[in-house]
N, C-alpha and C. Protein backbone atom coordinates (compact mmCIF):
# COMPACT_ATOMS: atom_id res chain seq x y z
N MET A 1 20.44 -10.56 16.06
CA MET A 1 20.12 -11.33 15.44
C MET A 1 20.71 -12.17 14.41
N LYS A 2 20.08 -13.02 13.77
CA LYS A 2 21.00 -13.71 12.88
C LYS A 2 19.89 -13.64 11.36
N VAL A 3 20.63 -13.39 10.24
CA VAL A 3 19.85 -12.89 8.97
C VAL A 3 20.47 -13.90 8.33
N ALA A 4 19.31 -14.42 7.04
CA ALA A 4 19.80 -15.57 6.49
C ALA A 4 20.36 -14.61 4.90
N SER A 5 21.41 -15.17 4.69
CA SER A 5 22.66 -14.67 3.63
C SER A 5 22.73 -15.41 2.30
N TYR A 6 22.36 -14.57 1.08
CA TYR A 6 22.77 -15.22 -0.26
C TYR A 6 24.02 -14.83 -0.66
N THR A 7 24.69 -15.64 -1.93
CA THR A 7 25.57 -14.58 -2.60
C THR A 7 24.67 -13.62 -4.05
N ILE A 8 25.60 -13.09 -4.48
CA ILE A 8 24.95 -12.69 -6.00
C ILE A 8 24.70 -13.58 -6.95
N SER A 9 24.78 -14.78 -6.73
CA SER A 9 24.37 -15.67 -7.56
C SER A 9 23.27 -16.75 -7.20
N GLY A 10 23.26 -16.23 -5.71
CA GLY A 10 21.86 -16.98 -5.20
C GLY A 10 21.64 -18.22 -4.50
N GLU A 11 23.03 -18.47 -4.36
CA GLU A 11 23.85 -19.56 -3.34
C GLU A 11 23.58 -18.97 -1.68
N LYS A 12 23.03 -19.74 -1.15
CA LYS A 12 23.01 -19.62 0.48
C LYS A 12 24.29 -19.51 1.38
N LYS A 13 24.49 -18.41 2.06
CA LYS A 13 25.73 -18.70 2.81
C LYS A 13 25.52 -18.76 4.35
N GLU A 14 26.38 -18.79 5.13
CA GLU A 14 26.03 -18.73 6.29
C GLU A 14 25.60 -17.33 7.09
N ASP A 15 24.61 -17.63 7.66
CA ASP A 15 23.77 -16.46 8.57
C ASP A 15 24.84 -15.36 9.06
N LYS A 16 24.16 -14.48 8.72
CA LYS A 16 24.85 -13.19 8.91
C LYS A 16 24.67 -12.70 10.60
N ALA A 17 25.34 -12.11 11.41
CA ALA A 17 25.15 -11.43 12.51
C ALA A 17 24.57 -10.00 12.30
N VAL A 18 23.54 -9.92 12.36
CA VAL A 18 23.24 -8.10 12.12
C VAL A 18 22.68 -7.63 13.37
N LYS A 19 23.49 -6.33 13.92
CA LYS A 19 22.84 -5.62 15.25
C LYS A 19 22.99 -4.23 14.68
N LEU A 20 21.17 -3.96 14.47
CA LEU A 20 21.21 -3.18 13.75
C LEU A 20 19.80 -2.15 14.89
N ALA A 21 19.82 -0.87 15.50
CA ALA A 21 18.69 -0.16 16.17
C ALA A 21 17.27 -0.47 15.64
N ILE A 22 17.07 -0.68 14.32
CA ILE A 22 15.77 -0.42 13.88
C ILE A 22 15.01 -1.74 14.06
N PHE A 23 15.87 -2.76 14.31
CA PHE A 23 15.17 -4.13 14.64
C PHE A 23 15.17 -4.56 15.86
N GLU A 24 15.73 -3.82 16.78
CA GLU A 24 15.50 -4.14 18.43
C GLU A 24 14.47 -2.80 18.88
N ALA A 25 14.10 -2.34 18.23
CA ALA A 25 12.86 -1.20 18.72
C ALA A 25 11.59 -2.48 19.05
N PRO A 26 10.85 -1.67 20.02
CA PRO A 26 9.84 -2.34 20.74
C PRO A 26 8.74 -2.24 19.33
N VAL A 27 7.56 -3.22 19.51
CA VAL A 27 6.95 -3.25 18.40
C VAL A 27 5.60 -2.39 18.86
N ASN A 28 4.96 -1.50 18.31
CA ASN A 28 3.61 -1.03 18.72
C ASN A 28 2.65 -1.35 17.72
N PRO A 29 1.69 -2.18 18.31
CA PRO A 29 0.39 -2.55 17.08
C PRO A 29 -0.19 -1.34 17.05
N THR A 30 -0.72 -0.59 18.24
CA THR A 30 -1.69 0.61 17.71
C THR A 30 -1.36 1.71 16.78
N LEU A 31 0.19 1.90 16.84
CA LEU A 31 0.81 3.13 16.10
C LEU A 31 0.80 2.51 14.59
N ILE A 32 1.13 1.16 14.66
CA ILE A 32 1.03 0.60 13.39
C ILE A 32 -0.37 0.58 12.32
N HIS A 33 -1.22 0.51 13.54
CA HIS A 33 -2.67 0.16 12.84
C HIS A 33 -2.95 1.69 12.23
N GLU A 34 -2.49 2.58 12.93
CA GLU A 34 -3.11 4.00 12.76
C GLU A 34 -2.30 4.37 11.42
N VAL A 35 -1.10 4.22 11.33
CA VAL A 35 -0.48 4.56 10.18
C VAL A 35 -0.85 3.80 8.73
N VAL A 36 -0.90 2.58 8.85
CA VAL A 36 -1.27 1.50 8.09
C VAL A 36 -2.65 2.11 7.38
N VAL A 37 -3.68 2.31 8.20
CA VAL A 37 -5.07 2.67 7.66
C VAL A 37 -4.89 4.09 7.50
N ALA A 38 -3.75 5.50 7.66
CA ALA A 38 -4.03 6.84 6.82
C ALA A 38 -3.70 6.15 5.54
N GLN A 39 -2.56 5.52 5.60
CA GLN A 39 -1.94 5.14 4.16
C GLN A 39 -2.71 4.75 3.23
N LEU A 40 -3.35 3.72 3.75
CA LEU A 40 -4.77 2.94 2.84
C LEU A 40 -5.58 4.30 2.44
N ALA A 41 -5.81 4.85 3.45
CA ALA A 41 -6.98 6.39 3.02
C ALA A 41 -6.39 6.93 2.24
N ASN A 42 -5.26 7.15 2.27
CA ASN A 42 -4.63 8.31 1.11
C ASN A 42 -4.33 7.73 -0.49
N ARG A 43 -4.44 6.52 -0.32
CA ARG A 43 -4.69 6.32 -1.63
C ARG A 43 -6.34 6.04 -2.36
N ARG A 44 -6.83 5.92 -1.46
CA ARG A 44 -8.56 5.92 -1.76
C ARG A 44 -8.84 6.83 -2.71
N LEU A 45 -9.32 6.47 -3.73
CA LEU A 45 -10.02 7.65 -4.95
C LEU A 45 -11.55 7.83 -4.88
N SER A 46 -11.51 9.20 -5.20
CA SER A 46 -13.20 9.30 -5.26
C SER A 46 -14.08 8.86 -6.42
N THR A 47 -14.19 7.76 -6.87
CA THR A 47 -14.85 7.16 -7.90
C THR A 47 -16.10 7.18 -7.85
N ALA A 48 -16.62 6.91 -6.96
CA ALA A 48 -18.09 6.43 -6.66
C ALA A 48 -18.96 8.04 -6.77
N LYS A 49 -20.04 8.28 -7.96
CA LYS A 49 -20.82 9.37 -8.00
C LYS A 49 -22.18 8.60 -8.28
N THR A 50 -22.95 9.32 -7.32
CA THR A 50 -24.78 9.31 -7.47
C THR A 50 -25.41 10.73 -8.19
N LYS A 51 -26.47 10.29 -8.96
CA LYS A 51 -27.04 11.66 -8.86
C LYS A 51 -28.15 12.18 -8.45
N THR A 52 -27.88 13.17 -7.93
CA THR A 52 -29.50 13.88 -6.84
C THR A 52 -30.41 14.29 -7.92
N ARG A 53 -31.54 14.51 -7.28
CA ARG A 53 -33.35 14.62 -8.05
C ARG A 53 -32.57 16.05 -8.65
N GLY A 54 -31.82 16.93 -8.62
CA GLY A 54 -31.15 18.02 -9.28
C GLY A 54 -30.85 17.33 -10.66
N GLU A 55 -29.58 16.30 -10.46
CA GLU A 55 -28.71 16.13 -11.50
C GLU A 55 -29.88 15.17 -12.82
N ILE A 56 -30.96 14.58 -12.54
CA ILE A 56 -31.27 13.78 -12.98
C ILE A 56 -32.38 14.45 -14.36
N SER A 57 -32.20 13.95 -15.34
CA SER A 57 -33.22 14.30 -16.54
C SER A 57 -34.65 14.26 -16.32
N GLY A 58 -35.39 15.14 -16.47
CA GLY A 58 -37.12 14.92 -16.51
C GLY A 58 -37.55 15.80 -15.32
N GLY A 59 -38.39 15.21 -14.59
CA GLY A 59 -39.21 15.69 -14.05
C GLY A 59 -39.22 17.39 -13.68
N GLY A 60 -39.66 17.89 -14.66
CA GLY A 60 -39.93 19.96 -14.37
C GLY A 60 -41.35 19.79 -14.07
N LYS A 61 -41.94 19.33 -14.66
CA LYS A 61 -43.48 19.30 -14.80
C LYS A 61 -44.02 18.33 -13.19
N LYS A 62 -44.96 18.96 -12.91
CA LYS A 62 -45.78 18.45 -11.27
C LYS A 62 -46.47 16.87 -12.38
N PRO A 63 -46.45 15.80 -11.83
CA PRO A 63 -46.87 14.67 -12.26
C PRO A 63 -48.62 14.99 -12.18
N TYR A 64 -49.41 15.35 -11.00
CA TYR A 64 -50.47 15.27 -10.88
C TYR A 64 -50.57 16.51 -9.91
N ARG A 65 -51.97 17.06 -9.96
CA ARG A 65 -52.14 18.09 -9.37
C ARG A 65 -52.34 17.98 -7.76
N GLN A 66 -52.47 19.27 -7.11
CA GLN A 66 -51.88 19.07 -5.22
C GLN A 66 -53.12 18.40 -4.95
N LYS A 67 -54.03 18.47 -5.11
CA LYS A 67 -55.23 18.36 -4.11
C LYS A 67 -56.36 17.56 -5.25
N GLY A 68 -57.56 16.60 -4.76
CA GLY A 68 -58.03 15.57 -5.06
C GLY A 68 -57.98 14.47 -5.38
N THR A 69 -56.65 14.09 -5.71
CA THR A 69 -56.62 12.89 -6.29
C THR A 69 -56.18 11.43 -5.16
N GLY A 70 -56.32 12.01 -4.03
CA GLY A 70 -56.42 11.03 -2.78
C GLY A 70 -54.61 10.30 -2.96
N ARG A 71 -53.80 10.64 -3.39
CA ARG A 71 -52.51 10.45 -3.20
C ARG A 71 -51.66 11.58 -2.71
N ALA A 72 -50.64 11.12 -2.21
CA ALA A 72 -49.68 12.09 -1.73
C ALA A 72 -49.43 13.23 -2.48
N ARG A 73 -48.94 14.35 -1.95
CA ARG A 73 -48.74 15.16 -2.94
C ARG A 73 -47.17 15.24 -3.07
N THR A 74 -46.75 15.59 -4.54
CA THR A 74 -45.39 15.55 -4.87
C THR A 74 -45.37 16.18 -5.98
N GLY A 75 -43.78 16.95 -6.07
CA GLY A 75 -43.90 18.10 -7.11
C GLY A 75 -42.78 17.53 -8.35
N SER A 76 -42.22 16.35 -8.46
CA SER A 76 -41.70 15.90 -9.27
C SER A 76 -41.62 14.49 -9.48
N ILE A 77 -41.03 13.50 -10.59
CA ILE A 77 -41.28 11.93 -10.71
C ILE A 77 -39.91 11.77 -10.43
N ARG A 78 -38.48 12.82 -10.17
CA ARG A 78 -37.52 12.58 -9.51
C ARG A 78 -37.10 12.93 -7.97
N ASN A 79 -38.15 12.31 -7.46
CA ASN A 79 -38.30 12.73 -5.80
C ASN A 79 -37.57 11.54 -5.76
N PRO A 80 -36.65 11.49 -4.56
CA PRO A 80 -35.72 10.39 -4.13
C PRO A 80 -36.67 9.21 -3.77
N ILE A 81 -38.14 9.39 -3.35
CA ILE A 81 -38.98 8.06 -2.64
C ILE A 81 -39.46 7.77 -4.25
N TRP A 82 -38.93 8.20 -5.28
CA TRP A 82 -40.08 7.65 -6.09
C TRP A 82 -39.05 6.70 -7.01
N LYS A 83 -39.48 5.31 -7.78
CA LYS A 83 -38.22 4.48 -8.66
C LYS A 83 -37.95 5.74 -9.86
N GLY A 84 -36.33 5.48 -9.99
CA GLY A 84 -36.02 6.03 -10.82
C GLY A 84 -35.88 7.43 -10.47
N GLY A 85 -35.82 8.00 -9.27
CA GLY A 85 -35.66 9.17 -8.85
C GLY A 85 -33.91 9.60 -8.27
N GLY A 86 -33.90 10.55 -7.62
CA GLY A 86 -32.48 10.57 -7.19
C GLY A 86 -32.01 9.95 -6.06
N THR A 87 -30.92 9.78 -5.65
CA THR A 87 -30.12 9.42 -4.78
C THR A 87 -29.74 10.37 -3.21
N THR A 88 -30.48 10.26 -2.05
CA THR A 88 -30.39 11.47 -1.16
C THR A 88 -29.33 10.95 -0.66
N PHE A 89 -28.17 11.69 -0.21
CA PHE A 89 -27.20 11.70 0.36
C PHE A 89 -26.04 10.42 0.26
N GLY A 90 -25.89 10.32 -1.45
CA GLY A 90 -24.98 9.46 -2.16
C GLY A 90 -23.78 9.90 -2.32
N PRO A 91 -22.45 9.12 -2.54
CA PRO A 91 -21.59 9.64 -2.88
C PRO A 91 -21.56 10.79 -4.25
N THR A 92 -20.88 11.59 -3.66
CA THR A 92 -20.64 12.99 -4.60
C THR A 92 -19.12 12.94 -5.74
N GLY A 93 -18.33 12.06 -5.35
CA GLY A 93 -17.36 11.93 -6.45
C GLY A 93 -16.37 12.92 -5.82
N LEU A 94 -16.47 13.76 -4.46
CA LEU A 94 -16.01 14.91 -4.25
C LEU A 94 -15.55 14.51 -2.47
N GLN A 95 -15.79 13.28 -2.13
CA GLN A 95 -15.15 12.91 -0.78
C GLN A 95 -13.28 13.30 -0.80
N ASN A 96 -13.33 13.74 0.27
CA ASN A 96 -11.65 13.51 0.94
C ASN A 96 -11.53 12.58 1.69
N PHE A 97 -11.17 11.81 1.34
CA PHE A 97 -10.42 10.69 2.60
C PHE A 97 -9.27 10.88 3.41
N LYS A 98 -8.34 11.49 2.97
CA LYS A 98 -6.68 12.03 3.32
C LYS A 98 -6.58 12.35 4.65
N GLN A 99 -5.79 11.70 5.16
CA GLN A 99 -5.60 11.49 6.67
C GLN A 99 -4.18 12.12 6.57
N THR A 100 -3.75 13.05 7.75
CA THR A 100 -2.37 13.68 7.99
C THR A 100 -2.06 12.80 9.29
N ILE A 101 -0.52 12.19 9.07
CA ILE A 101 0.20 11.14 10.00
C ILE A 101 1.39 12.39 9.96
N PRO A 102 1.76 12.55 11.39
CA PRO A 102 3.65 13.01 11.58
C PRO A 102 4.48 12.75 10.87
N ALA A 103 5.34 13.00 10.46
CA ALA A 103 6.62 12.19 10.00
C ALA A 103 7.32 11.77 10.96
N LYS A 104 6.76 12.14 12.01
CA LYS A 104 7.78 11.47 13.20
C LYS A 104 6.88 9.96 13.70
N LYS A 105 5.50 10.04 13.51
CA LYS A 105 5.25 9.06 13.92
C LYS A 105 5.44 7.77 12.71
N ARG A 106 4.96 8.32 11.47
CA ARG A 106 5.49 7.67 10.20
C ARG A 106 6.60 6.63 10.46
N ARG A 107 7.49 7.33 10.92
CA ARG A 107 8.68 7.03 11.07
C ARG A 107 9.01 5.69 11.92
N VAL A 108 8.29 6.22 13.06
CA VAL A 108 8.55 5.32 14.16
C VAL A 108 7.88 3.84 14.05
N ALA A 109 6.59 4.24 13.47
CA ALA A 109 5.67 3.24 13.27
C ALA A 109 6.54 2.06 11.82
N LEU A 110 7.11 2.85 11.06
CA LEU A 110 7.89 1.70 10.00
C LEU A 110 8.90 1.14 10.80
N ILE A 111 9.82 1.78 11.88
CA ILE A 111 10.79 0.95 12.68
C ILE A 111 10.02 0.19 13.31
N SER A 112 8.93 0.31 13.71
CA SER A 112 8.56 -1.00 14.89
C SER A 112 8.02 -2.06 13.64
N ALA A 113 7.50 -2.04 12.37
CA ALA A 113 7.30 -2.80 11.88
C ALA A 113 8.42 -3.63 11.22
N LEU A 114 9.34 -2.88 11.20
CA LEU A 114 10.64 -3.72 10.66
C LEU A 114 10.58 -4.33 11.57
N SER A 115 10.50 -4.31 13.35
CA SER A 115 11.09 -4.85 14.06
C SER A 115 10.11 -6.02 14.03
N ALA A 116 9.15 -5.99 13.93
CA ALA A 116 7.85 -6.96 14.07
C ALA A 116 8.19 -8.41 12.79
N LYS A 117 8.78 -7.78 11.66
CA LYS A 117 9.29 -8.61 10.43
C LYS A 117 10.50 -9.02 10.53
N LYS A 118 11.46 -8.95 11.56
CA LYS A 118 12.90 -9.27 11.79
C LYS A 118 13.27 -10.69 11.38
N GLU A 119 12.23 -11.71 11.74
CA GLU A 119 12.43 -13.19 11.09
C GLU A 119 12.29 -13.60 9.89
N GLU A 120 12.08 -12.33 9.20
CA GLU A 120 11.57 -12.75 7.45
C GLU A 120 12.36 -12.03 6.45
N ILE A 121 13.41 -11.51 7.18
CA ILE A 121 14.77 -10.71 6.45
C ILE A 121 15.25 -11.24 6.03
N VAL A 122 16.06 -11.06 4.68
CA VAL A 122 17.26 -11.86 3.87
C VAL A 122 17.88 -10.60 3.63
N ILE A 123 19.16 -11.26 3.35
CA ILE A 123 20.51 -10.39 2.79
C ILE A 123 21.03 -11.03 1.43
N VAL A 124 21.39 -10.00 0.55
CA VAL A 124 21.86 -10.31 -0.74
C VAL A 124 22.84 -9.77 -0.97
N GLU A 125 24.06 -10.46 -1.30
CA GLU A 125 25.24 -9.03 -1.62
C GLU A 125 24.61 -8.53 -3.20
N GLY A 126 23.92 -9.19 -3.88
CA GLY A 126 24.05 -8.28 -5.30
C GLY A 126 22.85 -9.17 -5.81
N ILE A 127 22.24 -8.50 -6.85
CA ILE A 127 21.59 -8.73 -8.01
C ILE A 127 21.65 -8.55 -9.43
N LYS A 128 22.27 -9.28 -9.82
CA LYS A 128 22.67 -8.94 -11.62
C LYS A 128 21.67 -9.34 -12.44
N ALA A 129 20.67 -8.96 -12.52
CA ALA A 129 19.70 -9.42 -13.62
C ALA A 129 18.79 -8.76 -14.44
N ASP A 130 19.51 -8.21 -15.31
CA ASP A 130 18.72 -7.48 -16.41
C ASP A 130 17.23 -7.50 -17.29
N LYS A 131 17.17 -8.86 -17.13
CA LYS A 131 15.97 -9.37 -17.86
C LYS A 131 15.11 -10.02 -16.78
N THR A 132 14.34 -9.87 -16.99
CA THR A 132 12.86 -10.79 -16.02
C THR A 132 12.88 -11.73 -16.01
N LYS A 133 13.34 -12.53 -17.06
CA LYS A 133 13.35 -14.16 -16.62
C LYS A 133 14.48 -14.51 -15.76
N ASP A 134 15.89 -13.62 -15.85
CA ASP A 134 16.89 -13.98 -14.97
C ASP A 134 16.56 -13.25 -13.60
N PHE A 135 15.62 -12.40 -13.49
CA PHE A 135 15.44 -11.78 -11.84
C PHE A 135 14.59 -12.73 -11.27
N ALA A 136 13.72 -13.45 -12.19
CA ALA A 136 12.40 -14.23 -11.69
C ALA A 136 13.36 -15.66 -11.08
N LYS A 137 14.11 -16.01 -11.86
CA LYS A 137 15.23 -17.12 -11.13
C LYS A 137 15.79 -17.11 -10.21
N PHE A 138 16.52 -15.84 -10.01
CA PHE A 138 17.06 -15.53 -8.69
C PHE A 138 16.34 -15.46 -7.77
N ILE A 139 15.02 -14.69 -8.02
CA ILE A 139 14.35 -14.83 -6.88
C ILE A 139 13.73 -15.57 -6.21
N GLU A 140 13.38 -16.58 -7.60
CA GLU A 140 12.98 -18.54 -6.57
C GLU A 140 13.54 -19.14 -5.67
N LYS A 141 15.05 -18.77 -6.06
CA LYS A 141 16.22 -19.30 -5.06
C LYS A 141 15.77 -18.85 -3.31
N ILE A 142 15.79 -17.63 -3.49
CA ILE A 142 15.35 -16.72 -2.17
C ILE A 142 13.67 -16.97 -1.63
N ILE A 143 13.11 -16.39 -2.53
CA ILE A 143 11.79 -16.47 -1.96
C ILE A 143 10.77 -17.47 -2.58
N GLU A 144 10.53 -18.49 -2.06
CA GLU A 144 9.94 -19.96 -3.00
C GLU A 144 8.38 -19.58 -3.40
N LYS A 145 7.72 -19.19 -2.32
CA LYS A 145 6.46 -18.34 -2.66
C LYS A 145 6.08 -17.36 -1.68
N GLY A 146 5.32 -16.99 -2.21
CA GLY A 146 4.50 -15.79 -1.21
C GLY A 146 4.97 -14.57 -2.32
N LYS A 147 4.75 -13.16 -0.96
CA LYS A 147 4.76 -12.12 -1.17
C LYS A 147 6.18 -11.51 -1.03
N GLY A 148 6.74 -10.76 -1.86
CA GLY A 148 8.47 -9.99 -1.18
C GLY A 148 8.60 -8.72 -1.89
N LEU A 149 9.50 -8.07 -0.92
CA LEU A 149 9.97 -6.93 -1.00
C LEU A 149 11.11 -7.10 -0.98
N ILE A 150 11.61 -6.24 -2.48
CA ILE A 150 13.28 -6.30 -2.70
C ILE A 150 13.93 -4.77 -2.37
N VAL A 151 14.74 -4.32 -1.04
CA VAL A 151 15.00 -3.26 -0.89
C VAL A 151 16.53 -2.75 -1.35
N TYR A 152 16.77 -1.87 -2.26
CA TYR A 152 17.86 -1.56 -3.01
C TYR A 152 18.66 -0.51 -2.30
N PRO A 153 19.73 -0.33 -2.54
CA PRO A 153 20.33 0.95 -2.07
C PRO A 153 20.40 1.92 -3.02
N LYS A 154 19.95 1.84 -4.28
CA LYS A 154 19.52 2.74 -5.26
C LYS A 154 18.60 2.14 -6.50
N LEU A 155 17.74 2.54 -6.54
CA LEU A 155 16.88 2.05 -7.70
C LEU A 155 16.89 2.43 -8.94
N THR A 156 17.53 1.56 -9.62
CA THR A 156 17.52 2.56 -11.45
C THR A 156 16.27 1.72 -12.06
N GLU A 157 16.30 2.41 -13.19
CA GLU A 157 15.22 1.93 -14.18
C GLU A 157 15.65 0.13 -14.68
N LYS A 158 16.73 0.08 -14.71
CA LYS A 158 17.09 -1.44 -15.15
C LYS A 158 16.21 -2.33 -14.01
N GLU A 159 16.30 -2.25 -12.33
CA GLU A 159 16.09 -3.02 -11.70
C GLU A 159 14.10 -3.00 -11.55
N VAL A 160 13.52 -2.03 -11.92
CA VAL A 160 12.18 -1.61 -12.13
C VAL A 160 11.75 -2.35 -13.16
N LEU A 161 12.21 -2.35 -14.46
CA LEU A 161 11.89 -2.86 -15.74
C LEU A 161 11.81 -4.27 -15.37
N ALA A 162 13.17 -5.26 -14.64
CA ALA A 162 13.31 -6.28 -14.71
C ALA A 162 12.44 -7.11 -13.87
N SER A 163 11.50 -6.55 -12.87
CA SER A 163 11.01 -6.81 -12.25
C SER A 163 9.26 -6.24 -12.01
N ARG A 164 9.16 -5.61 -12.57
CA ARG A 164 7.54 -5.10 -12.76
C ARG A 164 6.74 -6.36 -13.15
N ASN A 165 6.96 -7.30 -14.08
CA ASN A 165 6.07 -7.90 -14.11
C ASN A 165 6.07 -9.27 -13.60
N ILE A 166 6.73 -9.58 -12.44
CA ILE A 166 6.58 -10.77 -11.61
C ILE A 166 5.79 -10.38 -10.58
N ARG A 167 4.86 -11.52 -10.58
CA ARG A 167 3.68 -11.18 -9.68
C ARG A 167 4.33 -11.26 -8.25
N ASN A 168 3.58 -10.72 -7.48
CA ASN A 168 3.92 -10.47 -5.85
C ASN A 168 5.07 -10.41 -5.45
N ILE A 169 6.02 -9.38 -6.22
CA ILE A 169 7.17 -9.09 -5.90
C ILE A 169 7.26 -7.30 -6.19
N LYS A 170 7.87 -6.86 -5.20
CA LYS A 170 7.51 -5.35 -5.05
C LYS A 170 9.29 -4.68 -4.94
N VAL A 171 9.77 -3.67 -5.62
CA VAL A 171 11.15 -3.41 -5.51
C VAL A 171 10.93 -1.78 -5.18
N CYS A 172 11.86 -1.27 -4.31
CA CYS A 172 11.83 0.25 -3.73
C CYS A 172 13.53 0.03 -3.20
N ASP A 173 13.87 1.90 -3.02
CA ASP A 173 15.22 2.05 -2.59
C ASP A 173 14.57 2.11 -0.64
N TYR A 174 16.08 2.19 -0.18
CA TYR A 174 15.80 2.54 1.01
C TYR A 174 15.14 3.63 1.71
N ARG A 175 15.30 4.53 0.69
CA ARG A 175 14.15 5.67 0.96
C ARG A 175 13.03 6.00 0.84
N ASN A 176 12.46 4.84 0.07
CA ASN A 176 10.99 4.86 -0.08
C ASN A 176 10.34 3.64 0.57
N LEU A 177 10.80 3.12 1.49
CA LEU A 177 10.31 1.98 2.01
C LEU A 177 8.89 2.62 2.76
N ASN A 178 7.96 1.30 2.71
CA ASN A 178 6.53 2.30 3.61
C ASN A 178 6.34 0.96 4.27
N ILE A 179 5.32 1.41 5.26
CA ILE A 179 5.30 0.08 6.01
C ILE A 179 3.87 -0.70 5.73
N TYR A 180 3.19 -0.25 4.58
CA TYR A 180 2.27 -1.39 4.40
C TYR A 180 3.06 -2.47 3.53
N ASP A 181 4.20 -1.88 2.70
CA ASP A 181 4.73 -2.62 1.63
C ASP A 181 5.39 -3.88 2.85
N VAL A 182 6.09 -3.26 3.80
CA VAL A 182 6.87 -4.04 4.64
C VAL A 182 5.83 -4.85 5.26
N LEU A 183 5.10 -4.85 6.10
CA LEU A 183 3.97 -5.55 6.32
C LEU A 183 3.15 -6.50 5.46
N ASN A 184 2.99 -6.30 4.50
CA ASN A 184 2.55 -6.94 3.24
C ASN A 184 3.34 -8.32 2.87
N ALA A 185 4.93 -7.78 2.95
CA ALA A 185 5.43 -8.98 2.65
C ALA A 185 5.93 -10.03 3.32
N GLN A 186 5.66 -11.36 2.56
CA GLN A 186 6.46 -12.56 3.19
C GLN A 186 7.74 -12.57 3.59
N LYS A 187 8.43 -11.61 2.27
CA LYS A 187 9.89 -12.01 2.64
C LYS A 187 10.42 -10.44 2.31
N ILE A 188 11.53 -10.08 2.98
CA ILE A 188 12.23 -8.87 2.76
C ILE A 188 13.47 -9.04 2.26
N VAL A 189 13.94 -8.67 1.15
CA VAL A 189 15.07 -9.03 0.90
C VAL A 189 15.82 -7.45 0.65
N PHE A 190 16.89 -7.16 1.99
CA PHE A 190 17.74 -6.25 0.99
C PHE A 190 19.29 -6.58 0.85
N VAL A 191 19.34 -5.50 -0.53
CA VAL A 191 20.46 -6.02 -1.37
C VAL A 191 21.34 -5.19 -1.20
N GLY A 192 22.72 -5.78 -1.65
CA GLY A 192 24.08 -5.23 -0.59
C GLY A 192 24.03 -4.37 0.92
N ASP A 193 24.27 -3.23 0.78
CA ASP A 193 24.26 -2.37 1.65
C ASP A 193 23.33 -1.65 2.34
N SER A 194 22.09 -1.85 1.62
CA SER A 194 20.40 -1.22 1.80
C SER A 194 20.39 -1.42 3.34
N ILE A 195 20.56 -2.37 3.92
CA ILE A 195 20.29 -2.34 5.20
C ILE A 195 20.79 -1.54 6.30
N GLU A 196 21.90 -1.77 5.89
CA GLU A 196 22.80 -0.64 6.88
C GLU A 196 22.15 1.30 6.56
N LEU A 197 22.42 1.22 5.17
CA LEU A 197 21.31 2.57 4.93
C LEU A 197 20.15 2.70 5.16
N THR A 198 19.07 1.65 5.79
CA THR A 198 18.11 1.91 5.86
C THR A 198 17.91 2.16 7.30
N ASN A 199 19.06 1.44 8.56
CA ASN A 199 19.17 1.97 9.77
C ASN A 199 19.79 3.08 10.10
N ASP A 200 20.51 3.77 9.15
CA ASP A 200 21.24 5.23 9.04
C ASP A 200 20.21 6.02 9.01
N PHE A 201 19.18 5.79 7.71
CA PHE A 201 18.31 6.68 7.22
C PHE A 201 16.98 7.06 8.29
N LEU A 202 16.46 5.79 8.62
CA LEU A 202 15.35 6.14 9.53
C LEU A 202 16.00 6.20 11.46
N GLY A 203 17.30 6.09 11.48
CA GLY A 203 17.51 6.23 13.04
C GLY A 203 17.99 7.70 12.98
N LYS A 204 17.91 8.28 12.23
CA LYS A 204 18.18 9.72 12.11
C LYS A 204 17.26 11.04 13.12
């Protein structure tokens, strides 16, 4: 396949012919979906919390006598069927949404996702931008609009600081590629030899 290629100054070069195994793999939508769902589930936090009848203050005294009133018997004003009562089967804040996916399945799904996105891949010789302003100008030449994922051979603090305030741009090194970011990006920019390193790393 041929991939759009850019110089270190952001100038368009002749398309580069790339023949790597990770971009020739078959696309498996079922496996991709399974791994993406697991990844999003593992990011989920148990922040929702409701109180049961035992956790709401008050309700210690029986509101009225058991018999003779003509009303249904009850023992507490914090009964879940009363207004202001506890919640039945509500979230406790202790839920565990974690899903475990074998490493081999994660790797195959990532390769499948990269193969599915091979038309959106761009190669850049390098990025020399120490400041956010310079980094933004460079990226605008390559990614006109939409979300972008920048893949480095080695990610340093300098690259993180230069890019973290730019909307819709994520950076990582080739070892920390994940399937959600790959699928979410409209352009995947491989810097330097990161595309070959990715192929070697995932092809093991």
